Amino acid sequence: MQLLTWALQLVVAGILLQTLFFKFTGAAESVYIFSTLGMEPFGRYASGVAELIAAALLLIPGCATFGALLALGVISGAIVSHLTVLGIEVQGDGGLLFALAIIVFIGSLAILALRWREVPLVGAILGVSSSSSVH
């Protein structure tokens, strides 16, 4: 179980980290996306910073659940943007960005499902101790 959790954390963090170069350097596709959303450049930088923080948290054992929660929030916005404004395919990418967003979404959900005991609110609701967490 621990190996699966780490594998998921590495995949999600890896996807989030690889997009940062494009966001922070103002790559044409990133500028197009955030211009289309009416959020250029602030939205591009803000989402990049949020993704960087989420990726870092995913790589710190005691903070991975918070990283997964943050990643889930950020990527939910990306998925909604694809479904409502951008479309599945953006500038002829064959839907790659959308597919990566779906992988991050599912991976983040899986991390939370595997590490749910570490989320204090869930433990409080279920009446379980958070002492038996996965690291």
Protein backbone atom coordinates (compact mmCIF):
# COMPACT_ATOMS: atom_id res chain seq x y z
CA MET A 1 0.00 0.00 0.00
CA GLN A 2 2.80 2.38 0.87
CA LEU A 3 4.52 1.76 -2.48
CA LEU A 4 1.29 2.49 -4.37
CA THR A 5 0.76 5.71 -2.43
CA TRP A 6 4.29 6.91 -3.17
CA ALA A 7 3.97 5.96 -6.84
CA LEU A 8 0.77 8.00 -7.10
CA GLN A 9 2.34 10.94 -5.29
CA LEU A 10 5.33 10.88 -7.66
CA VAL A 11 3.12 10.69 -10.77
CA VAL A 12 0.86 13.55 -9.66
CA ALA A 13 3.79 15.70 -8.50
CA GLY A 14 5.69 14.93 -11.71
CA ILE A 15 2.81 16.04 -13.92
CA LEU A 16 2.31 19.21 -11.90
CA LEU A 17 6.03 20.04 -11.97
CA GLN A 18 6.48 19.49 -15.70
CA THR A 19 3.85 22.11 -16.53
CA LEU A 20 5.59 24.81 -14.47
CA PHE A 21 8.23 25.56 -17.08
CA PHE A 22 5.50 26.44 -19.59
CA LYS A 23 3.54 28.56 -17.13
CA PHE A 24 6.48 30.49 -15.73
CA THR A 25 8.25 31.11 -19.05
CA GLY A 26 5.12 32.33 -20.80
CA ALA A 27 4.97 29.55 -23.38
CA ALA A 28 2.53 30.34 -26.19
CA GLU A 29 0.07 27.57 -25.26
CA SER A 30 -0.07 28.69 -21.61
CA VAL A 31 -0.56 32.32 -22.60
CA TYR A 32 -3.30 31.26 -25.03
CA ILE A 33 -5.10 29.22 -22.35
CA PHE A 34 -5.06 31.92 -19.71
CA SER A 35 -5.87 34.68 -22.22
CA THR A 36 -8.89 32.66 -23.37
CA LEU A 37 -9.95 32.35 -19.73
CA GLY A 38 -9.42 36.10 -19.17
CA MET A 39 -6.81 35.38 -16.50
CA GLU A 40 -3.51 36.20 -18.24
CA PRO A 41 -0.93 36.62 -16.69
CA PHE A 42 -2.13 36.55 -13.07
CA GLY A 43 -4.03 33.26 -13.39
CA ARG A 44 -1.10 31.58 -15.10
CA TYR A 45 1.31 32.60 -12.34
CA ALA A 46 -1.16 31.88 -9.52
CA SER A 47 -1.98 28.40 -10.80
CA GLY A 48 1.74 27.75 -11.32
CA VAL A 49 2.53 28.71 -7.74
CA ALA A 50 -0.37 26.60 -6.42
CA GLU A 51 0.80 23.61 -8.50
CA LEU A 52 4.38 24.08 -7.26
CA ILE A 53 3.21 24.10 -3.64
CA ALA A 54 0.96 21.06 -4.23
CA ALA A 55 3.83 19.13 -5.84
CA ALA A 56 6.19 20.00 -2.99
CA LEU A 57 3.63 18.94 -0.39
CA LEU A 58 3.04 15.65 -2.22
CA LEU A 59 6.75 14.87 -1.83
CA ILE A 60 6.82 15.53 1.93
CA PRO A 61 5.43 12.43 3.73
CA GLY A 62 3.58 14.27 6.48
CA CYS A 63 2.09 16.79 4.05
CA ALA A 64 1.06 14.57 1.14
CA THR A 65 -2.67 14.70 1.92
CA PHE A 66 -2.58 18.49 1.87
CA GLY A 67 -0.74 18.37 -1.45
CA ALA A 68 -3.36 16.02 -2.85
CA LEU A 69 -6.17 18.29 -1.63
CA LEU A 70 -4.53 21.35 -3.19
CA ALA A 71 -3.82 19.48 -6.43
CA LEU A 72 -7.43 18.33 -6.54
CA GLY A 73 -8.66 21.90 -6.15
CA VAL A 74 -6.36 23.37 -8.78
CA ILE A 75 -6.92 20.60 -11.30
CA SER A 76 -10.69 20.72 -10.80
CA GLY A 77 -10.54 24.31 -12.05
CA ALA A 78 -8.51 23.19 -15.06
CA ILE A 79 -10.98 20.41 -15.89
CA VAL A 80 -13.97 22.74 -15.59
CA SER A 81 -12.17 25.24 -17.85
CA HIS A 82 -11.59 22.53 -20.45
CA LEU A 83 -15.20 21.39 -20.32
CA THR A 84 -16.75 24.86 -20.43
CA VAL A 85 -14.41 27.23 -22.30
CA LEU A 86 -11.28 25.65 -23.74
CA GLY A 87 -12.54 22.33 -25.06
CA ILE A 88 -10.89 18.94 -24.66
CA GLU A 89 -8.31 19.69 -27.35
CA VAL A 90 -6.33 22.92 -27.03
CA GLN A 91 -4.39 24.21 -30.01
CA GLY A 92 -4.12 20.78 -31.63
CA ASP A 93 -2.67 18.97 -28.60
CA GLY A 94 -4.95 15.96 -29.19
CA GLY A 95 -6.41 16.38 -25.71
CA LEU A 96 -3.09 15.80 -23.94
CA LEU A 97 -3.51 18.61 -21.41
CA PHE A 98 -7.02 17.43 -20.59
CA ALA A 99 -5.83 13.82 -20.21
CA LEU A 100 -3.03 14.94 -17.85
CA ALA A 101 -5.56 16.91 -15.82
CA ILE A 102 -7.75 13.81 -15.52
CA ILE A 103 -4.74 11.74 -14.41
CA VAL A 104 -3.88 14.34 -11.75
CA PHE A 105 -7.54 14.42 -10.60
CA ILE A 106 -7.84 10.63 -10.32
CA GLY A 107 -4.36 10.31 -8.80
CA SER A 108 -5.14 12.96 -6.18
CA LEU A 109 -8.42 11.24 -5.31
CA ALA A 110 -6.61 7.91 -4.99
CA ILE A 111 -3.96 9.45 -2.70
CA LEU A 112 -6.70 10.85 -0.50
CA ALA A 113 -8.51 7.51 -0.48
CA LEU A 114 -5.32 5.73 0.59
CA ARG A 115 -4.26 8.36 3.12
CA TRP A 116 -7.70 9.43 4.40
CA ARG A 117 -6.71 8.81 8.01
CA GLU A 118 -4.31 11.75 7.76
CA VAL A 119 -7.07 14.26 7.01
CA PRO A 120 -8.13 15.44 10.50
CA LEU A 121 -11.69 16.33 9.47
CA VAL A 122 -12.31 12.88 7.98
CA GLY A 123 -10.89 11.21 11.08
CA ALA A 124 -13.04 13.38 13.34
CA ILE A 125 -16.18 12.63 11.35
CA LEU A 126 -15.47 8.89 11.36
CA GLY A 127 -14.25 8.91 14.94
CA VAL A 128 -10.90 7.36 14.02
CA SER A 129 -7.45 8.19 15.27
CA SER A 130 -4.99 9.69 12.83
CA SER A 131 -2.10 7.78 14.43
CA SER A 132 -2.16 4.95 11.86
CA SER A 133 -1.13 6.98 8.83
CA VAL A 134 0.85 5.86 5.77
CA HIS A 135 4.32 7.36 5.38
